[in-house]
Amino acid sequence: TDMVMCCFRRKPFEQMMIRTPHIAQRLLEMTLDELDAAREWMLVLGRKTAREKIASLIAIIARRDAALSMQGMRGPLVFDLPLTREAM
């Protein structure tokens, strides 16, 4: 997977967050979404059978794909599963 990493100096970054509260709010929302996803994944890994884990993984990917594409969960949802059976 390709990735671009950006590094910011702390003080200028904090100042930018103060000057642009809408960006600070969006960053907080994104961080909380990632935290929710991590919590959900921890539950999947800890308390389910292998079959339930696969079903949960597919549901997580589907919800995330729908949220990113701004579709919501209305009607049938079709998405590409970017993992092989072995990777799951």
N, C-alpha and C. Protein backbone atom coordinates (compact mmCIF):
# COMPACT_ATOMS: atom_id res chain seq x y z
N THR A 1 0.84 -1.18 0.00
CA THR A 1 0.00 0.00 0.00
C THR A 1 0.88 1.24 0.00
N ASP A 2 0.59 2.16 -0.91
CA ASP A 2 1.32 3.42 -0.94
C ASP A 2 0.88 4.28 0.24
N MET A 3 1.79 5.10 0.71
CA MET A 3 1.49 5.95 1.85
C MET A 3 2.29 7.23 1.74
N VAL A 4 1.67 8.32 2.17
CA VAL A 4 2.37 9.60 2.27
C VAL A 4 2.31 10.01 3.73
N MET A 5 3.44 10.31 4.30
CA MET A 5 3.49 10.70 5.71
C MET A 5 3.92 12.16 5.81
N CYS A 6 3.17 12.91 6.58
CA CYS A 6 3.49 14.32 6.80
C CYS A 6 3.84 14.52 8.26
N CYS A 7 4.88 15.26 8.50
CA CYS A 7 5.29 15.58 9.87
C CYS A 7 5.14 17.08 10.09
N PHE A 8 4.63 17.44 11.25
CA PHE A 8 4.43 18.84 11.59
C PHE A 8 5.14 19.14 12.91
N ARG A 9 5.65 20.33 13.02
CA ARG A 9 6.18 20.77 14.32
C ARG A 9 4.99 21.02 15.23
N ARG A 10 5.15 20.64 16.48
CA ARG A 10 4.03 20.67 17.41
C ARG A 10 3.42 22.06 17.59
N LYS A 11 4.24 23.04 17.89
CA LYS A 11 3.72 24.37 18.20
C LYS A 11 2.95 24.98 17.02
N PRO A 12 3.52 25.00 15.81
CA PRO A 12 2.75 25.55 14.68
C PRO A 12 1.47 24.76 14.41
N PHE A 13 1.51 23.44 14.62
CA PHE A 13 0.32 22.63 14.42
C PHE A 13 -0.76 23.01 15.43
N GLU A 14 -0.38 23.15 16.68
CA GLU A 14 -1.34 23.56 17.71
C GLU A 14 -1.92 24.95 17.42
N GLN A 15 -1.07 25.86 16.94
CA GLN A 15 -1.54 27.20 16.59
C GLN A 15 -2.54 27.15 15.43
N MET A 16 -2.26 26.30 14.45
CA MET A 16 -3.19 26.14 13.33
C MET A 16 -4.54 25.61 13.81
N MET A 17 -4.52 24.67 14.76
CA MET A 17 -5.77 24.13 15.30
C MET A 17 -6.57 25.22 16.01
N ILE A 18 -5.87 26.13 16.69
CA ILE A 18 -6.55 27.23 17.37
C ILE A 18 -7.15 28.20 16.36
N ARG A 19 -6.39 28.49 15.30
CA ARG A 19 -6.85 29.45 14.28
C ARG A 19 -7.96 28.90 13.39
N THR A 20 -8.01 27.60 13.23
CA THR A 20 -9.01 26.99 12.33
C THR A 20 -9.78 25.90 13.08
N PRO A 21 -10.75 26.30 13.89
CA PRO A 21 -11.47 25.32 14.72
C PRO A 21 -12.21 24.26 13.91
N HIS A 22 -12.63 24.57 12.69
CA HIS A 22 -13.32 23.54 11.90
C HIS A 22 -12.37 22.40 11.53
N ILE A 23 -11.10 22.71 11.31
CA ILE A 23 -10.11 21.66 11.04
C ILE A 23 -9.85 20.86 12.32
N ALA A 24 -9.75 21.55 13.44
CA ALA A 24 -9.54 20.87 14.72
C ALA A 24 -10.71 19.93 15.01
N GLN A 25 -11.93 20.39 14.75
CA GLN A 25 -13.12 19.56 14.98
C GLN A 25 -13.10 18.32 14.09
N ARG A 26 -12.77 18.50 12.83
CA ARG A 26 -12.73 17.37 11.90
C ARG A 26 -11.65 16.36 12.29
N LEU A 27 -10.50 16.86 12.70
CA LEU A 27 -9.41 15.99 13.15
C LEU A 27 -9.84 15.18 14.37
N LEU A 28 -10.55 15.82 15.29
CA LEU A 28 -11.06 15.12 16.47
C LEU A 28 -12.06 14.04 16.06
N GLU A 29 -12.97 14.36 15.13
CA GLU A 29 -13.94 13.38 14.66
C GLU A 29 -13.25 12.17 14.03
N MET A 30 -12.26 12.43 13.21
CA MET A 30 -11.53 11.34 12.56
C MET A 30 -10.80 10.47 13.58
N THR A 31 -10.21 11.11 14.57
CA THR A 31 -9.50 10.37 15.62
C THR A 31 -10.46 9.50 16.42
N LEU A 32 -11.63 10.05 16.75
CA LEU A 32 -12.62 9.28 17.50
C LEU A 32 -13.17 8.12 16.67
N ASP A 33 -13.34 8.33 15.36
CA ASP A 33 -13.78 7.24 14.48
C ASP A 33 -12.76 6.10 14.48
N GLU A 34 -11.49 6.45 14.43
CA GLU A 34 -10.44 5.43 14.45
C GLU A 34 -10.41 4.69 15.79
N LEU A 35 -10.64 5.42 16.87
CA LEU A 35 -10.70 4.80 18.20
C LEU A 35 -11.87 3.83 18.29
N ASP A 36 -13.03 4.23 17.78
CA ASP A 36 -14.19 3.34 17.76
C ASP A 36 -13.89 2.07 16.96
N ALA A 37 -13.24 2.23 15.81
CA ALA A 37 -12.91 1.08 14.98
C ALA A 37 -11.95 0.14 15.71
N ALA A 38 -10.99 0.71 16.42
CA ALA A 38 -10.03 -0.11 17.17
C ALA A 38 -10.73 -0.87 18.29
N ARG A 39 -11.64 -0.22 18.98
CA ARG A 39 -12.40 -0.89 20.05
C ARG A 39 -13.24 -2.03 19.48
N GLU A 40 -13.91 -1.75 18.37
CA GLU A 40 -14.74 -2.76 17.75
C GLU A 40 -13.89 -3.97 17.33
N TRP A 41 -12.72 -3.71 16.77
CA TRP A 41 -11.84 -4.78 16.33
C TRP A 41 -11.34 -5.60 17.52
N MET A 42 -11.07 -4.94 18.64
CA MET A 42 -10.64 -5.66 19.84
C MET A 42 -11.73 -6.62 20.32
N LEU A 43 -12.98 -6.20 20.24
CA LEU A 43 -14.09 -7.09 20.61
C LEU A 43 -14.17 -8.27 19.66
N VAL A 44 -14.00 -8.00 18.38
CA VAL A 44 -14.04 -9.07 17.38
C VAL A 44 -12.97 -10.11 17.68
N LEU A 45 -11.78 -9.66 17.97
CA LEU A 45 -10.67 -10.58 18.18
C LEU A 45 -10.81 -11.38 19.48
N GLY A 46 -11.48 -10.81 20.45
CA GLY A 46 -11.49 -11.42 21.76
C GLY A 46 -12.60 -12.40 22.06
N ARG A 47 -13.78 -12.21 21.51
CA ARG A 47 -14.93 -12.95 22.04
C ARG A 47 -15.73 -13.74 21.02
N LYS A 48 -15.20 -13.95 19.84
CA LYS A 48 -16.02 -14.59 18.81
C LYS A 48 -15.34 -15.82 18.23
N THR A 49 -16.17 -16.66 17.64
CA THR A 49 -15.64 -17.82 16.92
C THR A 49 -15.01 -17.34 15.62
N ALA A 50 -14.29 -18.23 14.94
CA ALA A 50 -13.65 -17.86 13.67
C ALA A 50 -14.69 -17.39 12.66
N ARG A 51 -15.80 -18.09 12.56
CA ARG A 51 -16.87 -17.71 11.62
C ARG A 51 -17.44 -16.33 11.97
N GLU A 52 -17.65 -16.08 13.25
CA GLU A 52 -18.17 -14.78 13.69
C GLU A 52 -17.16 -13.68 13.42
N LYS A 53 -15.88 -13.98 13.58
CA LYS A 53 -14.84 -12.99 13.32
C LYS A 53 -14.84 -12.58 11.85
N ILE A 54 -14.96 -13.55 10.94
CA ILE A 54 -15.00 -13.24 9.51
C ILE A 54 -16.24 -12.41 9.19
N ALA A 55 -17.39 -12.79 9.73
CA ALA A 55 -18.62 -12.04 9.49
C ALA A 55 -18.49 -10.61 10.02
N SER A 56 -17.90 -10.46 11.19
CA SER A 56 -17.70 -9.12 11.77
C SER A 56 -16.74 -8.30 10.93
N LEU A 57 -15.67 -8.93 10.45
CA LEU A 57 -14.71 -8.22 9.60
C LEU A 57 -15.39 -7.70 8.34
N ILE A 58 -16.20 -8.54 7.70
CA ILE A 58 -16.90 -8.11 6.49
C ILE A 58 -17.87 -6.97 6.81
N ALA A 59 -18.57 -7.06 7.93
CA ALA A 59 -19.49 -5.99 8.33
C ALA A 59 -18.74 -4.69 8.60
N ILE A 60 -17.60 -4.77 9.26
CA ILE A 60 -16.79 -3.57 9.55
C ILE A 60 -16.33 -2.93 8.24
N ILE A 61 -15.83 -3.74 7.32
CA ILE A 61 -15.36 -3.20 6.03
C ILE A 61 -16.52 -2.58 5.27
N ALA A 62 -17.68 -3.23 5.27
CA ALA A 62 -18.85 -2.70 4.55
C ALA A 62 -19.29 -1.37 5.13
N ARG A 63 -19.38 -1.28 6.46
CA ARG A 63 -19.79 -0.01 7.09
C ARG A 63 -18.79 1.10 6.80
N ARG A 64 -17.51 0.77 6.88
CA ARG A 64 -16.47 1.78 6.63
C ARG A 64 -16.50 2.23 5.18
N ASP A 65 -16.67 1.29 4.26
CA ASP A 65 -16.75 1.63 2.84
C ASP A 65 -17.96 2.52 2.57
N ALA A 66 -19.10 2.19 3.18
CA ALA A 66 -20.30 3.00 3.00
C ALA A 66 -20.10 4.40 3.56
N ALA A 67 -19.46 4.50 4.71
CA ALA A 67 -19.22 5.81 5.32
C ALA A 67 -18.26 6.65 4.47
N LEU A 68 -17.22 6.02 3.94
CA LEU A 68 -16.25 6.75 3.13
C LEU A 68 -16.83 7.19 1.80
N SER A 69 -17.75 6.40 1.25
CA SER A 69 -18.34 6.76 -0.03
C SER A 69 -19.60 7.60 0.15
N MET A 70 -19.93 7.91 1.40
CA MET A 70 -21.09 8.74 1.75
C MET A 70 -22.41 8.13 1.29
N GLN A 71 -22.47 6.82 1.11
CA GLN A 71 -23.69 6.15 0.73
C GLN A 71 -24.64 5.97 1.90
N GLY A 72 -24.09 5.77 3.05
CA GLY A 72 -24.90 5.35 4.18
C GLY A 72 -25.22 3.87 3.99
N MET A 73 -26.10 3.34 4.77
CA MET A 73 -26.42 1.92 4.69
C MET A 73 -27.82 1.73 4.11
N ARG A 74 -28.19 2.51 3.11
CA ARG A 74 -29.50 2.39 2.49
C ARG A 74 -29.45 1.38 1.36
N GLY A 75 -30.36 0.43 1.36
CA GLY A 75 -30.42 -0.54 0.27
C GLY A 75 -29.26 -1.50 0.28
N PRO A 76 -29.17 -2.30 -0.79
CA PRO A 76 -28.08 -3.27 -0.85
C PRO A 76 -26.73 -2.58 -0.96
N LEU A 77 -25.75 -3.14 -0.33
CA LEU A 77 -24.41 -2.57 -0.33
C LEU A 77 -23.48 -3.54 -1.04
N VAL A 78 -22.81 -3.04 -2.07
CA VAL A 78 -21.86 -3.85 -2.82
C VAL A 78 -20.49 -3.21 -2.66
N PHE A 79 -19.48 -4.03 -2.36
CA PHE A 79 -18.13 -3.50 -2.20
C PHE A 79 -17.12 -4.58 -2.54
N ASP A 80 -15.92 -4.13 -2.89
CA ASP A 80 -14.83 -5.06 -3.13
C ASP A 80 -14.22 -5.46 -1.80
N LEU A 81 -13.94 -6.73 -1.65
CA LEU A 81 -13.28 -7.21 -0.45
C LEU A 81 -11.78 -7.28 -0.74
N PRO A 82 -11.02 -6.36 -0.16
CA PRO A 82 -9.61 -6.23 -0.54
C PRO A 82 -8.68 -7.26 0.13
N LEU A 83 -9.22 -8.36 0.61
CA LEU A 83 -8.41 -9.34 1.31
C LEU A 83 -8.60 -10.73 0.71
N THR A 84 -7.56 -11.50 0.75
CA THR A 84 -7.68 -12.91 0.38
C THR A 84 -8.19 -13.68 1.58
N ARG A 85 -8.60 -14.90 1.37
CA ARG A 85 -9.05 -15.73 2.49
C ARG A 85 -7.92 -15.93 3.50
N GLU A 86 -6.71 -16.06 2.99
CA GLU A 86 -5.57 -16.25 3.88
C GLU A 86 -5.32 -15.01 4.74
N ALA A 87 -5.50 -13.83 4.15
CA ALA A 87 -5.25 -12.59 4.89
C ALA A 87 -6.27 -12.39 6.01
N MET A 88 -7.48 -12.90 5.80
CA MET A 88 -8.51 -12.76 6.84
C MET A 88 -8.12 -13.58 8.03
